[in-house]
Structures are given as C-alpha cells and as structure tokens.
C-alpha cells in the first residue's frame, strides 16, 4: 500500500513527466519541415515549464516542503528571480538583435 508520502512523490513524478511531454510537443510544433524556427511563445513556454519543474523538484524531491518558512520563501524567491532573469535576458537579446 502506498503511504501518503509515496503518493505525493508519485504524483510529483507524474506531473514532471507530463510537463516533459508537453515540452516535447511544443518543441516539435516549432519545427518547420525539419528546420527549427524561432518563436517567442515556444521560448517563453520552455522557460516557464522548466522553472515549474525546478520548483516541484525543490519542494518535493529536495524536501523543502518541510523546511522552515524562510527557506521555502527563499527558494520560491529564487525561482521567481530566475524567471525574471531568463525572460529578461531573452527579451533584451531579442531587442538588441532585432
């Protein structure tokens, strides 16, 4: 019988797997007859999906869910900061190149 912890880890693993499949679908949708095409929607989606996966891994598999409130808040702040940095870098780079 699965314990509550095992059920939670299984659910986390399944969500991570579904996110990976969604990313693969998005990646293939950006393919134009064998040639990859640049797309803001695909890039932003990939960054957001990756950071959602990071948060799940930190919370569930690194046991931060049971950590003190300060550590939980700092890890969430780190994910938000990484989202801002990655998206900001992408959009600044796109503006400079365009």
PDB file of N, CA and C in Angstrom:
ATOM      1  N   UNK A   1       0.835  -1.171   0.000  1.00  0.00           N
ATOM      2  CA  UNK A   1       0.000   0.000   0.000  1.00  0.00           C
ATOM      3  C   UNK A   1       0.889   1.247   0.000  1.00  0.00           C
ATOM      4  N   UNK A   2       0.489   2.223  -0.739  1.00  0.00           N
ATOM      5  CA  UNK A   2       1.269   3.452  -0.826  1.00  0.00           C
ATOM      6  C   UNK A   2       0.981   4.353   0.372  1.00  0.00           C
ATOM      7  N   UNK A   3       2.045   4.884   0.936  1.00  0.00           N
ATOM      8  CA  UNK A   3       1.862   5.845   2.019  1.00  0.00           C
ATOM      9  C   UNK A   3       1.557   7.205   1.413  1.00  0.00           C
ATOM     10  N   UNK A   4       1.178   8.145   2.253  1.00  0.00           N
ATOM     11  CA  UNK A   4       0.860   9.498   1.768  1.00  0.00           C
ATOM     12  C   UNK A   4       2.075  10.125   1.100  1.00  0.00           C
ATOM     13  N   UNK A   5       3.270   9.907   1.669  1.00  0.00           N
ATOM     14  CA  UNK A   5       4.496  10.457   1.083  1.00  0.00           C
ATOM     15  C   UNK A   5       4.764   9.849  -0.286  1.00  0.00           C
ATOM     16  N   UNK A   6       4.616   8.534  -0.386  1.00  0.00           N
ATOM     17  CA  UNK A   6       4.847   7.875  -1.666  1.00  0.00           C
ATOM     18  C   UNK A   6       3.842   8.324  -2.715  1.00  0.00           C
ATOM     19  N   UNK A   7       2.592   8.529  -2.310  1.00  0.00           N
ATOM     20  CA  UNK A   7       1.575   9.017  -3.244  1.00  0.00           C
ATOM     21  C   UNK A   7       1.934  10.413  -3.726  1.00  0.00           C
ATOM     22  N   UNK A   8       2.417  11.246  -2.823  1.00  0.00           N
ATOM     23  CA  UNK A   8       2.795  12.614  -3.184  1.00  0.00           C
ATOM     24  C   UNK A   8       3.986  12.601  -4.145  1.00  0.00           C
ATOM     25  N   UNK A   9       4.972  11.763  -3.869  1.00  0.00           N
ATOM     26  CA  UNK A   9       6.131  11.664  -4.756  1.00  0.00           C
ATOM     27  C   UNK A   9       5.730  11.111  -6.122  1.00  0.00           C
ATOM     28  N   UNK A  10       4.848  10.137  -6.141  1.00  0.00           N
ATOM     29  CA  UNK A  10       4.364   9.586  -7.399  1.00  0.00           C
ATOM     30  C   UNK A  10       3.620  10.650  -8.190  1.00  0.00           C
ATOM     31  N   UNK A  11       2.780  11.423  -7.516  1.00  0.00           N
ATOM     32  CA  UNK A  11       2.049  12.498  -8.192  1.00  0.00           C
ATOM     33  C   UNK A  11       3.034  13.537  -8.734  1.00  0.00           C
ATOM     34  N   UNK A  12       4.038  13.886  -7.942  1.00  0.00           N
ATOM     35  CA  UNK A  12       5.060  14.833  -8.411  1.00  0.00           C
ATOM     36  C   UNK A  12       5.793  14.310  -9.621  1.00  0.00           C
ATOM     37  N   UNK A  13       6.160  13.046  -9.598  1.00  0.00           N
ATOM     38  CA  UNK A  13       6.857  12.431 -10.716  1.00  0.00           C
ATOM     39  C   UNK A  13       5.969  12.427 -11.967  1.00  0.00           C
ATOM     40  N   UNK A  14       4.686  12.122 -11.799  1.00  0.00           N
ATOM     41  CA  UNK A  14       3.770  12.120 -12.935  1.00  0.00           C
ATOM     42  C   UNK A  14       3.611  13.519 -13.521  1.00  0.00           C
ATOM     43  N   UNK A  15       3.508  14.536 -12.668  1.00  0.00           N
ATOM     44  CA  UNK A  15       3.399  15.915 -13.155  1.00  0.00           C
ATOM     45  C   UNK A  15       4.664  16.302 -13.922  1.00  0.00           C
ATOM     46  N   UNK A  16       5.828  15.948 -13.390  1.00  0.00           N
ATOM     47  CA  UNK A  16       7.086  16.240 -14.096  1.00  0.00           C
ATOM     48  C   UNK A  16       7.124  15.542 -15.447  1.00  0.00           C
ATOM     49  N   UNK A  17       6.639  14.315 -15.507  1.00  0.00           N
ATOM     50  CA  UNK A  17       6.612  13.582 -16.777  1.00  0.00           C
ATOM     51  C   UNK A  17       5.667  14.234 -17.777  1.00  0.00           C
ATOM     52  N   UNK A  18       4.495  14.659 -17.307  1.00  0.00           N
ATOM     53  CA  UNK A  18       3.533  15.324 -18.193  1.00  0.00           C
ATOM     54  C   UNK A  18       4.111  16.636 -18.717  1.00  0.00           C
ATOM     55  N   UNK A  19       4.789  17.404 -17.850  1.00  0.00           N
ATOM     56  CA  UNK A  19       5.405  18.654 -18.291  1.00  0.00           C
ATOM     57  C   UNK A  19       6.463  18.379 -19.355  1.00  0.00           C
ATOM     58  N   UNK A  20       7.221  17.306 -19.195  1.00  0.00           N
ATOM     59  CA  UNK A  20       8.227  16.946 -20.191  1.00  0.00           C
ATOM     60  C   UNK A  20       7.579  16.609 -21.523  1.00  0.00           C
ATOM     61  N   UNK A  21       6.487  15.872 -21.500  1.00  0.00           N
ATOM     62  CA  UNK A  21       5.772  15.533 -22.738  1.00  0.00           C
ATOM     63  C   UNK A  21       5.204  16.799 -23.386  1.00  0.00           C
ATOM     64  N   UNK A  22       4.679  17.712 -22.584  1.00  0.00           N
ATOM     65  CA  UNK A  22       4.167  18.981 -23.125  1.00  0.00           C
ATOM     66  C   UNK A  22       5.295  19.755 -23.778  1.00  0.00           C
ATOM     67  N   UNK A  23       6.455  19.798 -23.127  1.00  0.00           N
ATOM     68  CA  UNK A  23       7.594  20.494 -23.716  1.00  0.00           C
ATOM     69  C   UNK A  23       7.986  19.856 -25.049  1.00  0.00           C
ATOM     70  N   UNK A  24       8.005  18.534 -25.110  1.00  0.00           N
ATOM     71  CA  UNK A  24       8.348  17.869 -26.368  1.00  0.00           C
ATOM     72  C   UNK A  24       7.348  18.213 -27.461  1.00  0.00           C
ATOM     73  N   UNK A  25       6.070  18.285 -27.110  1.00  0.00           N
ATOM     74  CA  UNK A  25       5.046  18.664 -28.088  1.00  0.00           C
ATOM     75  C   UNK A  25       5.269  20.099 -28.567  1.00  0.00           C
ATOM     76  N   UNK A  26       5.557  21.005 -27.636  1.00  0.00           N
ATOM     77  CA  UNK A  26       5.825  22.396 -28.009  1.00  0.00           C
ATOM     78  C   UNK A  26       7.058  22.479 -28.896  1.00  0.00           C
ATOM     79  N   UNK A  27       8.085  21.708 -28.561  1.00  0.00           N
ATOM     80  CA  UNK A  27       9.332  21.714 -29.333  1.00  0.00           C
ATOM     81  C   UNK A  27       9.089  21.237 -30.759  1.00  0.00           C
ATOM     82  N   UNK A  28       8.301  20.196 -30.918  1.00  0.00           N
ATOM     83  CA  UNK A  28       8.017  19.694 -32.264  1.00  0.00           C
ATOM     84  C   UNK A  28       7.099  20.635 -33.035  1.00  0.00           C
ATOM     85  N   UNK A  29       6.270  21.388 -32.349  1.00  0.00           N
ATOM     86  CA  UNK A  29       5.387  22.326 -33.042  1.00  0.00           C
ATOM     87  C   UNK A  29       6.161  23.510 -33.602  1.00  0.00           C
ATOM     88  N   UNK A  30       7.367  23.767 -33.084  1.00  0.00           N
ATOM     89  CA  UNK A  30       8.199  24.869 -33.586  1.00  0.00           C
ATOM     90  C   UNK A  30       9.067  24.424 -34.752  1.00  0.00           C
ATOM     91  N   UNK A  31       8.905  23.198 -35.172  1.00  0.00           N
ATOM     92  CA  UNK A  31       9.691  22.643 -36.273  1.00  0.00           C
ATOM     93  C   UNK A  31       8.985  22.919 -37.596  1.00  0.00           C
ATOM     94  N   UNK A  32       9.689  23.515 -38.544  1.00  0.00           N
ATOM     95  CA  UNK A  32       9.112  23.847 -39.846  1.00  0.00           C
ATOM     96  C   UNK A  32       9.742  22.957 -40.917  1.00  0.00           C
ATOM     97  N   UNK A  33       9.187  21.768 -41.108  1.00  0.00           N
ATOM     98  CA  UNK A  33       9.682  20.806 -42.094  1.00  0.00           C
ATOM     99  C   UNK A  33      11.157  20.487 -41.863  1.00  0.00           C
ATOM    100  N   UNK A  34      11.500  20.171 -40.633  1.00  0.00           N
ATOM    101  CA  UNK A  34      12.865  19.777 -40.309  1.00  0.00           C
ATOM    102  C   UNK A  34      13.771  20.917 -39.895  1.00  0.00           C
ATOM    103  N   UNK A  35      13.354  22.151 -40.106  1.00  0.00           N
ATOM    104  CA  UNK A  35      14.172  23.301 -39.715  1.00  0.00           C
ATOM    105  C   UNK A  35      13.532  23.981 -38.505  1.00  0.00           C
ATOM    106  N   UNK A  36      14.266  24.095 -37.407  1.00  0.00           N
ATOM    107  CA  UNK A  36      13.680  24.757 -36.238  1.00  0.00           C
ATOM    108  C   UNK A  36      13.431  26.238 -36.507  1.00  0.00           C
ATOM    109  N   UNK A  37      12.330  26.733 -36.006  1.00  0.00           N
ATOM    110  CA  UNK A  37      12.001  28.148 -36.179  1.00  0.00           C
ATOM    111  C   UNK A  37      11.972  28.831 -34.825  1.00  0.00           C
ATOM    112  N   UNK A  38      12.465  30.060 -34.795  1.00  0.00           N
ATOM    113  CA  UNK A  38      12.464  30.820 -33.548  1.00  0.00           C
ATOM    114  C   UNK A  38      11.051  31.314 -33.266  1.00  0.00           C
ATOM    115  N   UNK A  39      10.637  31.181 -32.041  1.00  0.00           N
ATOM    116  CA  UNK A  39       9.301  31.609 -31.661  1.00  0.00           C
ATOM    117  C   UNK A  39       9.333  32.086 -30.216  1.00  0.00           C
ATOM    118  N   UNK A  40       8.831  33.271 -30.000  1.00  0.00           N
ATOM    119  CA  UNK A  40       8.780  33.814 -28.645  1.00  0.00           C
ATOM    120  C   UNK A  40       7.889  32.949 -27.754  1.00  0.00           C
ATOM    121  N   UNK A  41       6.761  32.517 -28.271  1.00  0.00           N
ATOM    122  CA  UNK A  41       5.849  31.699 -27.470  1.00  0.00           C
ATOM    123  C   UNK A  41       6.503  30.392 -27.043  1.00  0.00           C
ATOM    124  N   UNK A  42       7.242  29.763 -27.944  1.00  0.00           N
ATOM    125  CA  UNK A  42       7.907  28.500 -27.617  1.00  0.00           C
ATOM    126  C   UNK A  42       8.995  28.728 -26.574  1.00  0.00           C
ATOM    127  N   UNK A  43       9.780  29.785 -26.750  1.00  0.00           N
ATOM    128  CA  UNK A  43      10.869  30.065 -25.820  1.00  0.00           C
ATOM    129  C   UNK A  43      10.342  30.393 -24.433  1.00  0.00           C
ATOM    130  N   UNK A  44       9.349  31.252 -24.352  1.00  0.00           N
ATOM    131  CA  UNK A  44       8.773  31.619 -23.051  1.00  0.00           C
ATOM    132  C   UNK A  44       8.125  30.395 -22.406  1.00  0.00           C
ATOM    133  N   UNK A  45       7.429  29.596 -23.186  1.00  0.00           N
ATOM    134  CA  UNK A  45       6.805  28.376 -22.646  1.00  0.00           C
ATOM    135  C   UNK A  45       7.855  27.423 -22.099  1.00  0.00           C
ATOM    136  N   UNK A  46       8.951  27.245 -22.827  1.00  0.00           N
ATOM    137  CA  UNK A  46      10.017  26.338 -22.379  1.00  0.00           C
ATOM    138  C   UNK A  46      10.635  26.825 -21.076  1.00  0.00           C
ATOM    139  N   UNK A  47      10.880  28.131 -20.963  1.00  0.00           N
ATOM    140  CA  UNK A  47      11.461  28.679 -19.737  1.00  0.00           C
ATOM    141  C   UNK A  47      10.503  28.485 -18.567  1.00  0.00           C
ATOM    142  N   UNK A  48       9.245  28.783 -18.769  1.00  0.00           N
ATOM    143  CA  UNK A  48       8.272  28.657 -17.683  1.00  0.00           C
ATOM    144  C   UNK A  48       8.087  27.197 -17.278  1.00  0.00           C
ATOM    145  N   UNK A  49       8.000  26.298 -18.255  1.00  0.00           N
ATOM    146  CA  UNK A  49       7.863  24.876 -17.923  1.00  0.00           C
ATOM    147  C   UNK A  49       9.082  24.376 -17.152  1.00  0.00           C
ATOM    148  N   UNK A  50      10.267  24.804 -17.556  1.00  0.00           N
ATOM    149  CA  UNK A  50      11.484  24.382 -16.850  1.00  0.00           C
ATOM    150  C   UNK A  50      11.478  24.868 -15.409  1.00  0.00           C
ATOM    151  N   UNK A  51      11.057  26.100 -15.195  1.00  0.00           N
ATOM    152  CA  UNK A  51      11.065  26.634 -13.837  1.00  0.00           C
ATOM    153  C   UNK A  51       9.951  26.053 -12.970  1.00  0.00           C
ATOM    154  N   UNK A  52       8.852  25.666 -13.575  1.00  0.00           N
ATOM    155  CA  UNK A  52       7.814  24.951 -12.817  1.00  0.00           C
ATOM    156  C   UNK A  52       8.375  23.597 -12.365  1.00  0.00           C
ATOM    157  N   UNK A  53       9.103  22.936 -13.262  1.00  0.00           N
ATOM    158  CA  UNK A  53       9.723  21.669 -12.903  1.00  0.00           C
ATOM    159  C   UNK A  53      10.743  21.854 -11.782  1.00  0.00           C
ATOM    160  N   UNK A  54      11.531  22.920 -11.864  1.00  0.00           N
ATOM    161  CA  UNK A  54      12.521  23.195 -10.821  1.00  0.00           C
ATOM    162  C   UNK A  54      11.835  23.368  -9.468  1.00  0.00           C
ATOM    163  N   UNK A  55      10.746  24.121  -9.452  1.00  0.00           N
ATOM    164  CA  UNK A  55      10.043  24.340  -8.176  1.00  0.00           C
ATOM    165  C   UNK A  55       9.492  23.035  -7.614  1.00  0.00           C
ATOM    166  N   UNK A  56       8.933  22.203  -8.464  1.00  0.00           N
ATOM    167  CA  UNK A  56       8.414  20.915  -8.000  1.00  0.00           C
ATOM    168  C   UNK A  56       9.546  20.058  -7.443  1.00  0.00           C
ATOM    169  N   UNK A  57      10.662  20.024  -8.142  1.00  0.00           N
ATOM    170  CA  UNK A  57      11.801  19.218  -7.686  1.00  0.00           C
ATOM    171  C   UNK A  57      12.315  19.734  -6.355  1.00  0.00           C
ATOM    172  N   UNK A  58      12.457  21.060  -6.233  1.00  0.00           N
ATOM    173  CA  UNK A  58      12.934  21.632  -4.969  1.00  0.00           C
ATOM    174  C   UNK A  58      11.973  21.299  -3.833  1.00  0.00           C
ATOM    175  N   UNK A  59      10.691  21.492  -4.061  1.00  0.00           N
ATOM    176  CA  UNK A  59       9.708  21.283  -2.989  1.00  0.00           C
ATOM    177  C   UNK A  59       9.545  19.813  -2.620  1.00  0.00           C
ATOM    178  N   UNK A  60       9.381  18.967  -3.617  1.00  0.00           N
ATOM    179  CA  UNK A  60       9.008  17.582  -3.337  1.00  0.00           C
ATOM    180  C   UNK A  60      10.189  16.637  -3.176  1.00  0.00           C
ATOM    181  N   UNK A  61      11.205  16.769  -4.021  1.00  0.00           N
ATOM    182  CA  UNK A  61      12.285  15.787  -4.014  1.00  0.00           C
ATOM    183  C   UNK A  61      13.489  16.234  -3.196  1.00  0.00           C
ATOM    184  N   UNK A  62      13.574  17.514  -2.877  1.00  0.00           N
ATOM    185  CA  UNK A  62      14.647  18.003  -2.019  1.00  0.00           C
ATOM    186  C   UNK A  62      14.119  18.303  -0.614  1.00  0.00           C
ATOM    187  N   UNK A  63      12.861  17.934  -0.371  1.00  0.00           N
ATOM    188  CA  UNK A  63      12.232  18.024   0.946  1.00  0.00           C
ATOM    189  C   UNK A  63      12.164  19.444   1.508  1.00  0.00           C
ATOM    190  N   UNK A  64      12.125  20.445   0.651  1.00  0.00           N
ATOM    191  CA  UNK A  64      12.000  21.825   1.117  1.00  0.00           C
ATOM    192  C   UNK A  64      10.579  22.089   1.617  1.00  0.00           C
ATOM    193  N   UNK A  65       9.649  21.261   1.239  1.00  0.00           N
ATOM    194  CA  UNK A  65       8.269  21.417   1.685  1.00  0.00           C
ATOM    195  C   UNK A  65       8.172  21.390   3.208  1.00  0.00           C
ATOM    196  N   UNK A  66       9.076  20.671   3.858  1.00  0.00           N
ATOM    197  CA  UNK A  66       9.067  20.563   5.315  1.00  0.00           C
ATOM    198  C   UNK A  66      10.101  21.472   5.973  1.00  0.00           C
ATOM    199  N   UNK A  67      10.760  22.290   5.197  1.00  0.00           N
ATOM    200  CA  UNK A  67      11.795  23.183   5.728  1.00  0.00           C
ATOM    201  C   UNK A  67      11.147  24.388   6.419  1.00  0.00           C
ATOM    202  N   UNK A  68      11.953  25.146   7.142  1.00  0.00           N
ATOM    203  CA  UNK A  68      11.417  26.370   7.757  1.00  0.00           C
ATOM    204  C   UNK A  68      10.859  27.331   6.694  1.00  0.00           C
ATOM    205  N   UNK A  69       9.933  28.154   7.124  1.00  0.00           N
ATOM    206  CA  UNK A  69       9.239  29.074   6.225  1.00  0.00           C
ATOM    207  C   UNK A  69      10.214  29.971   5.451  1.00  0.00           C
ATOM    208  N   UNK A  70      11.279  30.418   6.113  1.00  0.00           N
ATOM    209  CA  UNK A  70      12.262  31.284   5.460  1.00  0.00           C
ATOM    210  C   UNK A  70      12.907  30.583   4.270  1.00  0.00           C
ATOM    211  N   UNK A  71      13.301  29.335   4.436  1.00  0.00           N
ATOM    212  CA  UNK A  71      13.925  28.595   3.341  1.00  0.00           C
ATOM    213  C   UNK A  71      12.930  28.357   2.202  1.00  0.00           C
ATOM    214  N   UNK A  72      11.697  28.034   2.543  1.00  0.00           N
ATOM    215  CA  UNK A  72      10.676  27.859   1.498  1.00  0.00           C
ATOM    216  C   UNK A  72      10.481  29.152   0.725  1.00  0.00           C
ATOM    217  N   UNK A  73      10.413  30.258   1.453  1.00  0.00           N
ATOM    218  CA  UNK A  73      10.247  31.561   0.800  1.00  0.00           C
ATOM    219  C   UNK A  73      11.440  31.918  -0.072  1.00  0.00           C
ATOM    220  N   UNK A  74      12.651  31.618   0.418  1.00  0.00           N
ATOM    221  CA  UNK A  74      13.853  31.933  -0.366  1.00  0.00           C
ATOM    222  C   UNK A  74      13.933  31.089  -1.637  1.00  0.00           C
ATOM    223  N   UNK A  75      13.519  29.832  -1.554  1.00  0.00           N
ATOM    224  CA  UNK A  75      13.553  29.017  -2.769  1.00  0.00           C
ATOM    225  C   UNK A  75      12.506  29.490  -3.777  1.00  0.00           C
ATOM    226  N   UNK A  76      11.346  29.913  -3.288  1.00  0.00           N
ATOM    227  CA  UNK A  76      10.334  30.469  -4.197  1.00  0.00           C
ATOM    228  C   UNK A  76      10.819  31.780  -4.803  1.00  0.00           C
ATOM    229  N   UNK A  77      11.471  32.599  -3.995  1.00  0.00           N
ATOM    230  CA  UNK A  77      12.027  33.854  -4.493  1.00  0.00           C
ATOM    231  C   UNK A  77      13.087  33.584  -5.554  1.00  0.00           C
ATOM    232  N   UNK A  78      13.902  32.557  -5.344  1.00  0.00           N
ATOM    233  CA  UNK A  78      14.926  32.190  -6.320  1.00  0.00           C
ATOM    234  C   UNK A  78      14.288  31.796  -7.654  1.00  0.00           C
ATOM    235  N   UNK A  79      13.211  31.015  -7.603  1.00  0.00           N
ATOM    236  CA  UNK A  79      12.527  30.610  -8.839  1.00  0.00           C
ATOM    237  C   UNK A  79      11.966  31.839  -9.557  1.00  0.00           C
ATOM    238  N   UNK A  80      11.358  32.759  -8.815  1.00  0.00           N
ATOM    239  CA  UNK A  80      10.823  33.984  -9.417  1.00  0.00           C
ATOM    240  C   UNK A  80      11.954  34.816 -10.009  1.00  0.00           C
ATOM    241  N   UNK A  81      13.063  34.928  -9.283  1.00  0.00           N
ATOM    242  CA  UNK A  81      14.214  35.685  -9.773  1.00  0.00           C
ATOM    243  C   UNK A  81      14.777  35.060 -11.052  1.00  0.00           C
ATOM    244  N   UNK A  82      14.888  33.751 -11.080  1.00  0.00           N
ATOM    245  CA  UNK A  82      15.395  33.069 -12.284  1.00  0.00           C
ATOM    246  C   UNK A  82      14.448  33.267 -13.467  1.00  0.00           C
ATOM    247  N   UNK A  83      13.158  33.262 -13.197  1.00  0.00           N
ATOM    248  CA  UNK A  83      12.188  33.520 -14.261  1.00  0.00           C
ATOM    249  C   UNK A  83      12.405  34.911 -14.835  1.00  0.00           C
ATOM    250  N   UNK A  84      12.543  35.901 -13.965  1.00  0.00           N
ATOM    251  CA  UNK A  84      12.747  37.277 -14.418  1.00  0.00           C
ATOM    252  C   UNK A  84      14.059  37.414 -15.180  1.00  0.00           C
ATOM    253  N   UNK A  85      15.110  36.810 -14.670  1.00  0.00           N
ATOM    254  CA  UNK A  85      16.425  36.917 -15.327  1.00  0.00           C
ATOM    255  C   UNK A  85      16.408  36.236 -16.695  1.00  0.00           C
ATOM    256  N   UNK A  86      15.882  35.033 -16.772  1.00  0.00           N
ATOM    257  CA  UNK A  86      15.872  34.311 -18.049  1.00  0.00           C
ATOM    258  C   UNK A  86      14.986  34.997 -19.083  1.00  0.00           C
ATOM    259  N   UNK A  87      13.783  35.385 -18.674  1.00  0.00           N
ATOM    260  CA  UNK A  87      12.897  36.067 -19.620  1.00  0.00           C
ATOM    261  C   UNK A  87      13.452  37.437 -19.991  1.00  0.00           C
ATOM    262  N   UNK A  88      14.004  38.158 -19.016  1.00  0.00           N
ATOM    263  CA  UNK A  88      14.603  39.457 -19.297  1.00  0.00           C
ATOM    264  C   UNK A  88      15.767  39.346 -20.264  1.00  0.00           C
ATOM    265  N   UNK A  89      16.627  38.374 -20.043  1.00  0.00           N
ATOM    266  CA  UNK A  89      17.763  38.154 -20.944  1.00  0.00           C
ATOM    267  C   UNK A  89      17.285  37.822 -22.349  1.00  0.00           C
ATOM    268  N   UNK A  90      16.273  36.980 -22.442  1.00  0.00           N
ATOM    269  CA  UNK A  90      15.747  36.620 -23.759  1.00  0.00           C
ATOM    270  C   UNK A  90      15.193  37.842 -24.484  1.00  0.00           C
ATOM    271  N   UNK A  91      14.366  38.622 -23.810  1.00  0.00           N
ATOM    272  CA  UNK A  91      13.737  39.763 -24.469  1.00  0.00           C
ATOM    273  C   UNK A  91      14.731  40.883 -24.776  1.00  0.00           C
ATOM    274  N   UNK A  92      15.705  41.106 -23.904  1.00  0.00           N
ATOM    275  CA  UNK A  92      16.738  42.107 -24.195  1.00  0.00           C
ATOM    276  C   UNK A  92      17.568  41.655 -25.389  1.00  0.00           C
ATOM    277  N   UNK A  93      17.950  40.391 -25.393  1.00  0.00           N
ATOM    278  CA  UNK A  93      18.716  39.859 -26.522  1.00  0.00           C
ATOM    279  C   UNK A  93      17.942  39.937 -27.829  1.00  0.00           C
ATOM    280  N   UNK A  94      16.660  39.676 -27.755  1.00  0.00           N
ATOM    281  CA  UNK A  94      15.820  39.752 -28.948  1.00  0.00           C
ATOM    282  C   UNK A  94      15.713  41.208 -29.450  1.00  0.00           C
ATOM    283  N   UNK A  95      15.607  42.160 -28.505  1.00  0.00           N
ATOM    284  CA  UNK A  95      15.511  43.571 -28.879  1.00  0.00           C
ATOM    285  C   UNK A  95      16.825  44.053 -29.483  1.00  0.00           C
ATOM    286  N   UNK A  96      17.942  43.620 -28.933  1.00  0.00           N
ATOM    287  CA  UNK A  96      19.254  44.037 -29.450  1.00  0.00           C
ATOM    288  C   UNK A  96      19.490  43.434 -30.841  1.00  0.00           C
ATOM    289  N   UNK A  97      19.095  42.183 -31.030  1.00  0.00           N
ATOM    290  CA  UNK A  97      19.313  41.507 -32.314  1.00  0.00           C
ATOM    291  C   UNK A  97      18.354  42.015 -33.383  1.00  0.00           C
ATOM    292  N   UNK A  98      17.189  42.493 -32.967  1.00  0.00           N
ATOM    293  CA  UNK A  98      16.155  42.860 -33.934  1.00  0.00           C
ATOM    294  C   UNK A  98      16.244  44.273 -34.291  1.00  0.00           C
TER     295      UNK A  98
END
